[in-house]
PDB file of all heavy atoms in Angstrom:
ATOM      1  N   VAL A   1     -60.914 -10.134 -54.802  1.00  0.00           N
ATOM      2  CA  VAL A   1     -61.782 -11.271 -54.447  1.00  0.00           C
ATOM      3  C   VAL A   1     -62.790 -11.592 -55.555  1.00  0.00           C
ATOM      4  O   VAL A   1     -63.431 -10.696 -56.099  1.00  0.00           O
ATOM      5  CB  VAL A   1     -62.566 -10.970 -53.141  1.00  0.00           C
ATOM      6  CG1 VAL A   1     -63.402 -12.182 -52.718  1.00  0.00           C
ATOM      7  CG2 VAL A   1     -61.617 -10.564 -52.013  1.00  0.00           C
ATOM      8  N   LEU A   2     -62.936 -12.889 -55.830  1.00  0.00           N
ATOM      9  CA  LEU A   2     -63.964 -13.372 -56.762  1.00  0.00           C
ATOM     10  C   LEU A   2     -64.908 -14.282 -55.981  1.00  0.00           C
ATOM     11  O   LEU A   2     -64.477 -15.220 -55.312  1.00  0.00           O
ATOM     12  CB  LEU A   2     -63.309 -14.159 -57.905  1.00  0.00           C
ATOM     13  CG  LEU A   2     -64.260 -14.854 -58.899  1.00  0.00           C
ATOM     14  CD1 LEU A   2     -65.088 -13.839 -59.676  1.00  0.00           C
ATOM     15  CD2 LEU A   2     -63.472 -15.734 -59.886  1.00  0.00           C
ATOM     16  N   LEU A   3     -66.202 -13.988 -56.066  1.00  0.00           N
ATOM     17  CA  LEU A   3     -67.219 -14.803 -55.387  1.00  0.00           C
ATOM     18  C   LEU A   3     -68.015 -15.554 -56.454  1.00  0.00           C
ATOM     19  O   LEU A   3     -68.603 -14.950 -57.352  1.00  0.00           O
ATOM     20  CB  LEU A   3     -68.144 -13.890 -54.564  1.00  0.00           C
ATOM     21  CG  LEU A   3     -69.339 -14.519 -53.840  1.00  0.00           C
ATOM     22  CD1 LEU A   3     -68.907 -15.626 -52.900  1.00  0.00           C
ATOM     23  CD2 LEU A   3     -70.122 -13.463 -53.055  1.00  0.00           C
ATOM     24  N   LEU A   4     -68.010 -16.888 -56.365  1.00  0.00           N
ATOM     25  CA  LEU A   4     -68.697 -17.726 -57.357  1.00  0.00           C
ATOM     26  C   LEU A   4     -70.008 -18.262 -56.778  1.00  0.00           C
ATOM     27  O   LEU A   4     -70.025 -18.819 -55.686  1.00  0.00           O
ATOM     28  CB  LEU A   4     -67.810 -18.914 -57.747  1.00  0.00           C
ATOM     29  CG  LEU A   4     -66.419 -18.586 -58.304  1.00  0.00           C
ATOM     30  CD1 LEU A   4     -65.631 -19.873 -58.533  1.00  0.00           C
ATOM     31  CD2 LEU A   4     -66.531 -17.799 -59.611  1.00  0.00           C
ATOM     32  N   GLU A   5     -71.095 -18.092 -57.511  1.00  0.00           N
ATOM     33  CA  GLU A   5     -72.407 -18.553 -57.046  1.00  0.00           C
ATOM     34  C   GLU A   5     -73.111 -19.289 -58.172  1.00  0.00           C
ATOM     35  O   GLU A   5     -73.176 -18.800 -59.288  1.00  0.00           O
ATOM     36  CB  GLU A   5     -73.235 -17.336 -56.589  1.00  0.00           C
ATOM     37  CG  GLU A   5     -74.710 -17.614 -56.335  1.00  0.00           C
ATOM     38  CD  GLU A   5     -74.955 -18.784 -55.376  1.00  0.00           C
ATOM     39  OE1 GLU A   5     -74.413 -18.767 -54.248  1.00  0.00           O
ATOM     40  OE2 GLU A   5     -75.668 -19.713 -55.767  1.00  0.00           O
ATOM     41  N   LYS A   6     -73.656 -20.483 -57.862  1.00  0.00           N
ATOM     42  CA  LYS A   6     -74.260 -21.241 -58.966  1.00  0.00           C
ATOM     43  C   LYS A   6     -75.691 -20.804 -59.305  1.00  0.00           C
ATOM     44  O   LYS A   6     -76.169 -21.054 -60.392  1.00  0.00           O
ATOM     45  CB  LYS A   6     -74.185 -22.739 -58.707  1.00  0.00           C
ATOM     46  CG  LYS A   6     -75.072 -23.286 -57.638  1.00  0.00           C
ATOM     47  CD  LYS A   6     -74.924 -24.817 -57.649  1.00  0.00           C
ATOM     48  CE  LYS A   6     -75.696 -25.440 -56.540  1.00  0.00           C
ATOM     49  NZ  LYS A   6     -75.452 -26.875 -56.434  1.00  0.00           N
ATOM     50  N   ASN A   7     -76.363 -20.147 -58.362  1.00  0.00           N
ATOM     51  CA  ASN A   7     -77.699 -19.615 -58.671  1.00  0.00           C
ATOM     52  C   ASN A   7     -77.582 -18.311 -59.454  1.00  0.00           C
ATOM     53  O   ASN A   7     -76.502 -17.766 -59.602  1.00  0.00           O
ATOM     54  CB  ASN A   7     -78.475 -19.331 -57.382  1.00  0.00           C
ATOM     55  CG  ASN A   7     -78.873 -20.613 -56.682  1.00  0.00           C
ATOM     56  OD1 ASN A   7     -79.335 -21.544 -57.315  1.00  0.00           O
ATOM     57  ND2 ASN A   7     -78.682 -20.665 -55.371  1.00  0.00           N
ATOM     58  N   ASP A   8     -78.757 -17.791 -59.877  1.00  0.00           N
ATOM     59  CA  ASP A   8     -78.699 -16.515 -60.605  1.00  0.00           C
ATOM     60  C   ASP A   8     -78.541 -15.330 -59.658  1.00  0.00           C
ATOM     61  O   ASP A   8     -78.235 -14.233 -60.085  1.00  0.00           O
ATOM     62  CB  ASP A   8     -79.929 -16.337 -61.521  1.00  0.00           C
ATOM     63  CG  ASP A   8     -81.229 -16.611 -60.778  1.00  0.00           C
ATOM     64  OD1 ASP A   8     -81.171 -16.846 -59.554  1.00  0.00           O
ATOM     65  OD2 ASP A   8     -82.299 -16.596 -61.408  1.00  0.00           O
ATOM     66  N   GLU A   9     -78.769 -15.551 -58.362  1.00  0.00           N
ATOM     67  CA  GLU A   9     -78.498 -14.458 -57.421  1.00  0.00           C
ATOM     68  C   GLU A   9     -77.935 -15.011 -56.119  1.00  0.00           C
ATOM     69  O   GLU A   9     -78.064 -16.195 -55.819  1.00  0.00           O
ATOM     70  CB  GLU A   9     -79.757 -13.627 -57.160  1.00  0.00           C
ATOM     71  CG  GLU A   9     -80.895 -14.401 -56.547  1.00  0.00           C
ATOM     72  CD  GLU A   9     -82.121 -13.533 -56.238  1.00  0.00           C
ATOM     73  OE1 GLU A   9     -82.131 -12.343 -56.605  1.00  0.00           O
ATOM     74  OE2 GLU A   9     -83.060 -14.051 -55.624  1.00  0.00           O
ATOM     75  N   LEU A  10     -77.326 -14.133 -55.354  1.00  0.00           N
ATOM     76  CA  LEU A  10     -76.715 -14.532 -54.084  1.00  0.00           C
ATOM     77  C   LEU A  10     -77.773 -14.716 -52.994  1.00  0.00           C
ATOM     78  O   LEU A  10     -78.866 -14.157 -53.082  1.00  0.00           O
ATOM     79  CB  LEU A  10     -75.738 -13.442 -53.625  1.00  0.00           C
ATOM     80  CG  LEU A  10     -74.560 -13.131 -54.560  1.00  0.00           C
ATOM     81  CD1 LEU A  10     -73.860 -11.852 -54.104  1.00  0.00           C
ATOM     82  CD2 LEU A  10     -73.565 -14.277 -54.582  1.00  0.00           C
ATOM     83  N   GLY A  11     -77.415 -15.478 -51.976  1.00  0.00           N
ATOM     84  CA  GLY A  11     -78.215 -15.512 -50.738  1.00  0.00           C
ATOM     85  C   GLY A  11     -79.625 -16.031 -50.854  1.00  0.00           C
ATOM     86  O   GLY A  11     -80.530 -15.565 -50.172  1.00  0.00           O
ATOM     87  N   LYS A  12     -79.830 -17.030 -51.718  1.00  0.00           N
ATOM     88  CA  LYS A  12     -81.189 -17.547 -51.926  1.00  0.00           C
ATOM     89  C   LYS A  12     -81.793 -18.135 -50.649  1.00  0.00           C
ATOM     90  O   LYS A  12     -82.960 -17.914 -50.331  1.00  0.00           O
ATOM     91  CB  LYS A  12     -81.159 -18.620 -53.006  1.00  0.00           C
ATOM     92  CG  LYS A  12     -82.152 -18.317 -54.102  1.00  0.00           C
ATOM     93  CD  LYS A  12     -82.091 -19.289 -55.240  1.00  0.00           C
ATOM     94  CE  LYS A  12     -83.164 -18.899 -56.253  1.00  0.00           C
ATOM     95  NZ  LYS A  12     -83.076 -19.635 -57.475  1.00  0.00           N
ATOM     96  N   LYS A  13     -80.991 -18.894 -49.909  1.00  0.00           N
ATOM     97  CA  LYS A  13     -81.519 -19.516 -48.689  1.00  0.00           C
ATOM     98  C   LYS A  13     -81.726 -18.460 -47.597  1.00  0.00           C
ATOM     99  O   LYS A  13     -82.672 -18.528 -46.821  1.00  0.00           O
ATOM    100  CB  LYS A  13     -80.551 -20.593 -48.204  1.00  0.00           C
ATOM    101  CG  LYS A  13     -81.179 -21.506 -47.141  1.00  0.00           C
ATOM    102  CD  LYS A  13     -80.166 -22.391 -46.438  1.00  0.00           C
ATOM    103  CE  LYS A  13     -79.590 -23.446 -47.328  1.00  0.00           C
ATOM    104  NZ  LYS A  13     -78.788 -24.421 -46.565  1.00  0.00           N
ATOM    105  N   LEU A  14     -80.826 -17.477 -47.595  1.00  0.00           N
ATOM    106  CA  LEU A  14     -80.917 -16.387 -46.613  1.00  0.00           C
ATOM    107  C   LEU A  14     -82.272 -15.682 -46.705  1.00  0.00           C
ATOM    108  O   LEU A  14     -82.859 -15.286 -45.705  1.00  0.00           O
ATOM    109  CB  LEU A  14     -79.785 -15.386 -46.886  1.00  0.00           C
ATOM    110  CG  LEU A  14     -79.616 -14.233 -45.908  1.00  0.00           C
ATOM    111  CD1 LEU A  14     -79.230 -14.753 -44.527  1.00  0.00           C
ATOM    112  CD2 LEU A  14     -78.558 -13.260 -46.405  1.00  0.00           C
ATOM    113  N   LEU A  15     -82.775 -15.547 -47.929  1.00  0.00           N
ATOM    114  CA  LEU A  15     -84.029 -14.815 -48.135  1.00  0.00           C
ATOM    115  C   LEU A  15     -85.252 -15.548 -47.600  1.00  0.00           C
ATOM    116  O   LEU A  15     -86.291 -14.944 -47.383  1.00  0.00           O
ATOM    117  CB  LEU A  15     -84.220 -14.502 -49.627  1.00  0.00           C
ATOM    118  CG  LEU A  15     -83.285 -13.417 -50.176  1.00  0.00           C
ATOM    119  CD1 LEU A  15     -83.359 -13.373 -51.687  1.00  0.00           C
ATOM    120  CD2 LEU A  15     -83.613 -12.054 -49.590  1.00  0.00           C
ATOM    121  N   ILE A  16     -85.152 -16.866 -47.399  1.00  0.00           N
ATOM    122  CA  ILE A  16     -86.327 -17.577 -46.873  1.00  0.00           C
ATOM    123  C   ILE A  16     -86.155 -17.989 -45.415  1.00  0.00           C
ATOM    124  O   ILE A  16     -87.052 -18.544 -44.811  1.00  0.00           O
ATOM    125  CB  ILE A  16     -86.676 -18.827 -47.721  1.00  0.00           C
ATOM    126  CG1 ILE A  16     -85.544 -19.847 -47.710  1.00  0.00           C
ATOM    127  CG2 ILE A  16     -87.059 -18.444 -49.120  1.00  0.00           C
ATOM    128  CD1 ILE A  16     -85.931 -21.189 -48.314  1.00  0.00           C
ATOM    129  N   THR A  17     -84.969 -17.719 -44.851  1.00  0.00           N
ATOM    130  CA  THR A  17     -84.715 -18.221 -43.506  1.00  0.00           C
ATOM    131  C   THR A  17     -85.592 -17.549 -42.444  1.00  0.00           C
ATOM    132  O   THR A  17     -85.987 -16.398 -42.598  1.00  0.00           O
ATOM    133  CB  THR A  17     -83.215 -18.098 -43.140  1.00  0.00           C
ATOM    134  OG1 THR A  17     -83.077 -18.220 -41.747  1.00  0.00           O
ATOM    135  CG2 THR A  17     -82.660 -16.774 -43.491  1.00  0.00           C
ATOM    136  N   GLY A  18     -85.887 -18.310 -41.371  1.00  0.00           N
ATOM    137  CA  GLY A  18     -86.717 -17.765 -40.284  1.00  0.00           C
ATOM    138  C   GLY A  18     -88.077 -17.329 -40.784  1.00  0.00           C
ATOM    139  O   GLY A  18     -88.600 -16.300 -40.382  1.00  0.00           O
ATOM    140  N   GLY A  19     -88.651 -18.141 -41.687  1.00  0.00           N
ATOM    141  CA  GLY A  19     -89.978 -17.800 -42.225  1.00  0.00           C
ATOM    142  C   GLY A  19     -89.965 -16.518 -43.036  1.00  0.00           C
ATOM    143  O   GLY A  19     -90.951 -15.786 -43.073  1.00  0.00           O
ATOM    144  N   GLY A  20     -88.817 -16.231 -43.678  1.00  0.00           N
ATOM    145  CA  GLY A  20     -88.722 -15.022 -44.507  1.00  0.00           C
ATOM    146  C   GLY A  20     -88.369 -13.777 -43.704  1.00  0.00           C
ATOM    147  O   GLY A  20     -88.248 -12.686 -44.250  1.00  0.00           O
ATOM    148  N   ARG A  21     -88.226 -13.941 -42.367  1.00  0.00           N
ATOM    149  CA  ARG A  21     -87.917 -12.762 -41.520  1.00  0.00           C
ATOM    150  C   ARG A  21     -86.435 -12.689 -41.178  1.00  0.00           C
ATOM    151  O   ARG A  21     -85.941 -11.633 -40.824  1.00  0.00           O
ATOM    152  CB  ARG A  21     -88.723 -12.821 -40.210  1.00  0.00           C
ATOM    153  CG  ARG A  21     -90.232 -12.738 -40.425  1.00  0.00           C
ATOM    154  CD  ARG A  21     -90.935 -12.277 -39.172  1.00  0.00           C
ATOM    155  NE  ARG A  21     -90.670 -13.135 -38.021  1.00  0.00           N
ATOM    156  CZ  ARG A  21     -90.449 -12.674 -36.785  1.00  0.00           C
ATOM    157  NH1 ARG A  21     -90.419 -11.392 -36.531  1.00  0.00           N
ATOM    158  NH2 ARG A  21     -90.242 -13.520 -35.801  1.00  0.00           N
ATOM    159  N   CYS A  22     -85.746 -13.827 -41.239  1.00  0.00           N
ATOM    160  CA  CYS A  22     -84.309 -13.902 -41.011  1.00  0.00           C
ATOM    161  C   CYS A  22     -83.885 -13.658 -39.561  1.00  0.00           C
ATOM    162  O   CYS A  22     -83.728 -12.531 -39.117  1.00  0.00           O
ATOM    163  CB  CYS A  22     -83.554 -12.945 -41.925  1.00  0.00           C
ATOM    164  SG  CYS A  22     -81.803 -13.311 -41.913  1.00  0.00           S
ATOM    165  N   ASN A  23     -83.690 -14.762 -38.865  1.00  0.00           N
ATOM    166  CA  ASN A  23     -83.228 -14.723 -37.475  1.00  0.00           C
ATOM    167  C   ASN A  23     -81.703 -14.528 -37.495  1.00  0.00           C
ATOM    168  O   ASN A  23     -80.950 -15.483 -37.526  1.00  0.00           O
ATOM    169  CB  ASN A  23     -83.639 -16.045 -36.821  1.00  0.00           C
ATOM    170  CG  ASN A  23     -83.364 -16.128 -35.344  1.00  0.00           C
ATOM    171  OD1 ASN A  23     -83.637 -17.137 -34.722  1.00  0.00           O
ATOM    172  ND2 ASN A  23     -82.804 -15.066 -34.766  1.00  0.00           N
ATOM    173  N   VAL A  24     -81.288 -13.259 -37.482  1.00  0.00           N
ATOM    174  CA  VAL A  24     -79.904 -12.870 -37.772  1.00  0.00           C
ATOM    175  C   VAL A  24     -78.883 -13.461 -36.809  1.00  0.00           C
ATOM    176  O   VAL A  24     -77.805 -13.886 -37.190  1.00  0.00           O
ATOM    177  CB  VAL A  24     -79.749 -11.326 -37.691  1.00  0.00           C
ATOM    178  CG1 VAL A  24     -78.398 -10.888 -38.219  1.00  0.00           C
ATOM    179  CG2 VAL A  24     -80.844 -10.643 -38.441  1.00  0.00           C
ATOM    180  N   THR A  25     -79.223 -13.448 -35.520  1.00  0.00           N
ATOM    181  CA  THR A  25     -78.315 -13.996 -34.520  1.00  0.00           C
ATOM    182  C   THR A  25     -79.092 -14.235 -33.240  1.00  0.00           C
ATOM    183  O   THR A  25     -80.322 -14.092 -33.218  1.00  0.00           O
ATOM    184  CB  THR A  25     -77.103 -13.071 -34.261  1.00  0.00           C
ATOM    185  OG1 THR A  25     -76.195 -13.734 -33.365  1.00  0.00           O
ATOM    186  CG2 THR A  25     -77.513 -11.731 -33.680  1.00  0.00           C
ATOM    187  N   ASN A  26     -78.363 -14.595 -32.193  1.00  0.00           N
ATOM    188  CA  ASN A  26     -78.966 -14.747 -30.879  1.00  0.00           C
ATOM    189  C   ASN A  26     -78.298 -13.741 -29.950  1.00  0.00           C
ATOM    190  O   ASN A  26     -77.084 -13.557 -30.004  1.00  0.00           O
ATOM    191  CB  ASN A  26     -78.760 -16.176 -30.373  1.00  0.00           C
ATOM    192  CG  ASN A  26     -79.580 -16.439 -29.127  1.00  0.00           C
ATOM    193  OD1 ASN A  26     -79.238 -15.969 -28.042  1.00  0.00           O
ATOM    194  ND2 ASN A  26     -80.676 -17.152 -29.281  1.00  0.00           N
ATOM    195  N   ALA A  27     -79.094 -13.094 -29.111  1.00  0.00           N
ATOM    196  CA  ALA A  27     -78.556 -11.986 -28.306  1.00  0.00           C
ATOM    197  C   ALA A  27     -77.995 -12.415 -26.948  1.00  0.00           C
ATOM    198  O   ALA A  27     -77.757 -11.566 -26.088  1.00  0.00           O
ATOM    199  CB  ALA A  27     -79.653 -10.932 -28.113  1.00  0.00           C
ATOM    200  N   GLU A  28     -77.805 -13.712 -26.747  1.00  0.00           N
ATOM    201  CA  GLU A  28     -77.227 -14.185 -25.478  1.00  0.00           C
ATOM    202  C   GLU A  28     -75.941 -13.408 -25.165  1.00  0.00           C
ATOM    203  O   GLU A  28     -75.010 -13.376 -25.954  1.00  0.00           O
ATOM    204  CB  GLU A  28     -76.933 -15.694 -25.596  1.00  0.00           C
ATOM    205  CG  GLU A  28     -76.127 -16.286 -24.455  1.00  0.00           C
ATOM    206  CD  GLU A  28     -76.764 -16.089 -23.090  1.00  0.00           C
ATOM    207  OE1 GLU A  28     -77.904 -16.570 -22.912  1.00  0.00           O
ATOM    208  OE2 GLU A  28     -76.133 -15.455 -22.223  1.00  0.00           O
ATOM    209  N   GLN A  29     -75.904 -12.772 -23.965  1.00  0.00           N
ATOM    210  CA  GLN A  29     -74.781 -11.884 -23.620  1.00  0.00           C
ATOM    211  C   GLN A  29     -73.488 -12.641 -23.303  1.00  0.00           C
ATOM    212  O   GLN A  29     -72.398 -12.180 -23.595  1.00  0.00           O
ATOM    213  CB  GLN A  29     -75.157 -11.025 -22.390  1.00  0.00           C
ATOM    214  CG  GLN A  29     -76.323 -10.076 -22.628  1.00  0.00           C
ATOM    215  CD  GLN A  29     -75.953  -8.920 -23.548  1.00  0.00           C
ATOM    216  OE1 GLN A  29     -74.941  -8.253 -23.353  1.00  0.00           O
ATOM    217  NE2 GLN A  29     -76.768  -8.683 -24.580  1.00  0.00           N
ATOM    218  N   ASP A  30     -73.636 -13.805 -22.679  1.00  0.00           N
ATOM    219  CA  ASP A  30     -72.452 -14.507 -22.198  1.00  0.00           C
ATOM    220  C   ASP A  30     -71.935 -15.473 -23.274  1.00  0.00           C
ATOM    221  O   ASP A  30     -72.664 -16.372 -23.713  1.00  0.00           O
ATOM    222  CB  ASP A  30     -72.796 -15.276 -20.914  1.00  0.00           C
ATOM    223  CG  ASP A  30     -71.578 -15.999 -20.371  1.00  0.00           C
ATOM    224  OD1 ASP A  30     -70.627 -15.306 -19.958  1.00  0.00           O
ATOM    225  OD2 ASP A  30     -71.566 -17.245 -20.395  1.00  0.00           O
ATOM    226  N   LEU A  31     -70.696 -15.273 -23.677  1.00  0.00           N
ATOM    227  CA  LEU A  31     -70.141 -16.056 -24.788  1.00  0.00           C
ATOM    228  C   LEU A  31     -70.125 -17.551 -24.487  1.00  0.00           C
ATOM    229  O   LEU A  31     -70.479 -18.376 -25.328  1.00  0.00           O
ATOM    230  CB  LEU A  31     -68.731 -15.556 -25.142  1.00  0.00           C
ATOM    231  CG  LEU A  31     -68.101 -16.167 -26.401  1.00  0.00           C
ATOM    232  CD1 LEU A  31     -68.998 -15.988 -27.618  1.00  0.00           C
ATOM    233  CD2 LEU A  31     -66.727 -15.585 -26.665  1.00  0.00           C
ATOM    234  N   ARG A  32     -69.761 -17.914 -23.262  1.00  0.00           N
ATOM    235  CA  ARG A  32     -69.702 -19.351 -22.948  1.00  0.00           C
ATOM    236  C   ARG A  32     -71.092 -19.995 -22.996  1.00  0.00           C
ATOM    237  O   ARG A  32     -71.244 -21.126 -23.453  1.00  0.00           O
ATOM    238  CB  ARG A  32     -69.042 -19.578 -21.586  1.00  0.00           C
ATOM    239  CG  ARG A  32     -67.546 -19.334 -21.675  1.00  0.00           C
ATOM    240  CD  ARG A  32     -66.769 -19.799 -20.469  1.00  0.00           C
ATOM    241  NE  ARG A  32     -65.365 -19.388 -20.590  1.00  0.00           N
ATOM    242  CZ  ARG A  32     -64.444 -20.033 -21.282  1.00  0.00           C
ATOM    243  NH1 ARG A  32     -64.748 -21.138 -21.933  1.00  0.00           N
ATOM    244  NH2 ARG A  32     -63.191 -19.586 -21.336  1.00  0.00           N
ATOM    245  N   THR A  33     -72.091 -19.260 -22.522  1.00  0.00           N
ATOM    246  CA  THR A  33     -73.472 -19.780 -22.577  1.00  0.00           C
ATOM    247  C   THR A  33     -73.897 -19.948 -24.037  1.00  0.00           C
ATOM    248  O   THR A  33     -74.502 -20.947 -24.423  1.00  0.00           O
ATOM    249  CB  THR A  33     -74.439 -18.821 -21.851  1.00  0.00           C
ATOM    250  OG1 THR A  33     -73.902 -18.543 -20.567  1.00  0.00           O
ATOM    251  CG2 THR A  33     -75.832 -19.401 -21.719  1.00  0.00           C
ATOM    252  N   LEU A  34     -73.557 -18.939 -24.840  1.00  0.00           N
ATOM    253  CA  LEU A  34     -73.892 -18.986 -26.268  1.00  0.00           C
ATOM    254  C   LEU A  34     -73.249 -20.220 -26.918  1.00  0.00           C
ATOM    255  O   LEU A  34     -73.901 -20.994 -27.618  1.00  0.00           O
ATOM    256  CB  LEU A  34     -73.385 -17.713 -26.963  1.00  0.00           C
ATOM    257  CG  LEU A  34     -73.674 -17.603 -28.464  1.00  0.00           C
ATOM    258  CD1 LEU A  34     -75.096 -17.107 -28.700  1.00  0.00           C
ATOM    259  CD2 LEU A  34     -72.698 -16.646 -29.148  1.00  0.00           C
ATOM    260  N   LEU A  35     -71.968 -20.410 -26.639  1.00  0.00           N
ATOM    261  CA  LEU A  35     -71.245 -21.514 -27.284  1.00  0.00           C
ATOM    262  C   LEU A  35     -71.702 -22.882 -26.778  1.00  0.00           C
ATOM    263  O   LEU A  35     -71.628 -23.870 -27.509  1.00  0.00           O
ATOM    264  CB  LEU A  35     -69.737 -21.356 -27.076  1.00  0.00           C
ATOM    265  CG  LEU A  35     -69.102 -20.199 -27.855  1.00  0.00           C
ATOM    266  CD1 LEU A  35     -67.619 -20.087 -27.552  1.00  0.00           C
ATOM    267  CD2 LEU A  35     -69.308 -20.368 -29.359  1.00  0.00           C
ATOM    268  N   SER A  36     -72.212 -22.938 -25.549  1.00  0.00           N
ATOM    269  CA  SER A  36     -72.667 -24.233 -25.007  1.00  0.00           C
ATOM    270  C   SER A  36     -73.827 -24.794 -25.833  1.00  0.00           C
ATOM    271  O   SER A  36     -74.103 -25.984 -25.818  1.00  0.00           O
ATOM    272  CB  SER A  36     -73.085 -24.080 -23.547  1.00  0.00           C
ATOM    273  OG  SER A  36     -74.277 -23.318 -23.485  1.00  0.00           O
ATOM    274  N   LYS A  37     -74.519 -23.915 -26.574  1.00  0.00           N
ATOM    275  CA  LYS A  37     -75.642 -24.370 -27.408  1.00  0.00           C
ATOM    276  C   LYS A  37     -75.157 -25.197 -28.597  1.00  0.00           C
ATOM    277  O   LYS A  37     -75.940 -25.883 -29.247  1.00  0.00           O
ATOM    278  CB  LYS A  37     -76.441 -23.176 -27.948  1.00  0.00           C
ATOM    279  CG  LYS A  37     -76.973 -22.253 -26.886  1.00  0.00           C
ATOM    280  CD  LYS A  37     -78.149 -22.869 -26.168  1.00  0.00           C
ATOM    281  CE  LYS A  37     -78.807 -21.838 -25.275  1.00  0.00           C
ATOM    282  NZ  LYS A  37     -79.521 -22.373 -24.180  1.00  0.00           N
ATOM    283  N   PHE A  38     -73.883 -25.078 -28.921  1.00  0.00           N
ATOM    284  CA  PHE A  38     -73.335 -25.858 -30.037  1.00  0.00           C
ATOM    285  C   PHE A  38     -72.843 -27.220 -29.564  1.00  0.00           C
ATOM    286  O   PHE A  38     -71.926 -27.798 -30.145  1.00  0.00           O
ATOM    287  CB  PHE A  38     -72.201 -25.082 -30.716  1.00  0.00           C
ATOM    288  CG  PHE A  38     -72.656 -23.838 -31.430  1.00  0.00           C
ATOM    289  CD1 PHE A  38     -72.582 -22.599 -30.809  1.00  0.00           C
ATOM    290  CD2 PHE A  38     -73.171 -23.901 -32.716  1.00  0.00           C
ATOM    291  CE1 PHE A  38     -73.008 -21.442 -31.463  1.00  0.00           C
ATOM    292  CE2 PHE A  38     -73.589 -22.750 -33.373  1.00  0.00           C
ATOM    293  CZ  PHE A  38     -73.511 -21.522 -32.747  1.00  0.00           C
ATOM    294  N   LYS A  39     -73.402 -27.694 -28.452  1.00  0.00           N
ATOM    295  CA  LYS A  39     -73.086 -29.015 -27.891  1.00  0.00           C
ATOM    296  C   LYS A  39     -71.573 -29.225 -27.770  1.00  0.00           C
ATOM    297  O   LYS A  39     -70.887 -28.422 -27.168  1.00  0.00           O
ATOM    298  CB  LYS A  39     -73.738 -30.131 -28.726  1.00  0.00           C
ATOM    299  CG  LYS A  39     -75.251 -29.971 -28.813  1.00  0.00           C
ATOM    300  CD  LYS A  39     -75.893 -31.182 -29.453  1.00  0.00           C
ATOM    301  CE  LYS A  39     -77.361 -30.910 -29.716  1.00  0.00           C
ATOM    302  NZ  LYS A  39     -77.771 -31.138 -31.071  1.00  0.00           N
ATOM    303  N   ASP A  40     -71.057 -30.280 -28.407  1.00  0.00           N
ATOM    304  CA  ASP A  40     -69.640 -30.619 -28.187  1.00  0.00           C
ATOM    305  C   ASP A  40     -68.677 -29.793 -29.030  1.00  0.00           C
ATOM    306  O   ASP A  40     -67.470 -29.998 -28.969  1.00  0.00           O
ATOM    307  CB  ASP A  40     -69.405 -32.104 -28.508  1.00  0.00           C
ATOM    308  CG  ASP A  40     -70.350 -32.969 -27.696  1.00  0.00           C
ATOM    309  OD1 ASP A  40     -70.714 -32.543 -26.582  1.00  0.00           O
ATOM    310  OD2 ASP A  40     -70.735 -34.051 -28.179  1.00  0.00           O
ATOM    311  N   SER A  41     -69.230 -28.892 -29.837  1.00  0.00           N
ATOM    312  CA  SER A  41     -68.340 -28.128 -30.720  1.00  0.00           C
ATOM    313  C   SER A  41     -67.804 -26.874 -30.045  1.00  0.00           C
ATOM    314  O   SER A  41     -66.971 -26.177 -30.614  1.00  0.00           O
ATOM    315  CB  SER A  41     -69.101 -27.706 -31.978  1.00  0.00           C
ATOM    316  OG  SER A  41     -69.743 -28.814 -32.550  1.00  0.00           O
ATOM    317  N   ASP A  42     -68.297 -26.560 -28.822  1.00  0.00           N
ATOM    318  CA  ASP A  42     -67.966 -25.266 -28.221  1.00  0.00           C
ATOM    319  C   ASP A  42     -66.460 -25.055 -28.054  1.00  0.00           C
ATOM    320  O   ASP A  42     -65.946 -23.964 -28.269  1.00  0.00           O
ATOM    321  CB  ASP A  42     -68.704 -25.055 -26.888  1.00  0.00           C
ATOM    322  CG  ASP A  42     -68.525 -26.217 -25.919  1.00  0.00           C
ATOM    323  OD1 ASP A  42     -67.958 -27.251 -26.318  1.00  0.00           O
ATOM    324  OD2 ASP A  42     -68.963 -26.081 -24.760  1.00  0.00           O
ATOM    325  N   LYS A  43     -65.747 -26.134 -27.714  1.00  0.00           N
ATOM    326  CA  LYS A  43     -64.290 -25.977 -27.481  1.00  0.00           C
ATOM    327  C   LYS A  43     -63.555 -25.574 -28.766  1.00  0.00           C
ATOM    328  O   LYS A  43     -62.549 -24.884 -28.733  1.00  0.00           O
ATOM    329  CB  LYS A  43     -63.690 -27.250 -26.871  1.00  0.00           C
ATOM    330  CG  LYS A  43     -63.914 -28.517 -27.701  1.00  0.00           C
ATOM    331  CD  LYS A  43     -63.367 -29.738 -26.962  1.00  0.00           C
ATOM    332  CE  LYS A  43     -63.500 -31.023 -27.755  1.00  0.00           C
ATOM    333  NZ  LYS A  43     -64.913 -31.438 -27.931  1.00  0.00           N
ATOM    334  N   PHE A  44     -64.077 -26.011 -29.906  1.00  0.00           N
ATOM    335  CA  PHE A  44     -63.470 -25.627 -31.181  1.00  0.00           C
ATOM    336  C   PHE A  44     -63.776 -24.164 -31.510  1.00  0.00           C
ATOM    337  O   PHE A  44     -62.953 -23.445 -32.054  1.00  0.00           O
ATOM    338  CB  PHE A  44     -64.022 -26.492 -32.332  1.00  0.00           C
ATOM    339  CG  PHE A  44     -63.605 -27.934 -32.254  1.00  0.00           C
ATOM    340  CD1 PHE A  44     -64.481 -28.899 -31.771  1.00  0.00           C
ATOM    341  CD2 PHE A  44     -62.339 -28.321 -32.667  1.00  0.00           C
ATOM    342  CE1 PHE A  44     -64.098 -30.235 -31.701  1.00  0.00           C
ATOM    343  CE2 PHE A  44     -61.946 -29.657 -32.607  1.00  0.00           C
ATOM    344  CZ  PHE A  44     -62.827 -30.608 -32.121  1.00  0.00           C
TER     345      PHE A  44
END
């Protein structure tokens, strides 16, 4: 595998996300409830 990145380091946006704390995921237990948050994309 070759990973190409145009910045000088990887994950630049990741480092500032969630106010620099990084909201990694959402802990909603039920998959259908979780997917319903993606509006009309859930079926995909």
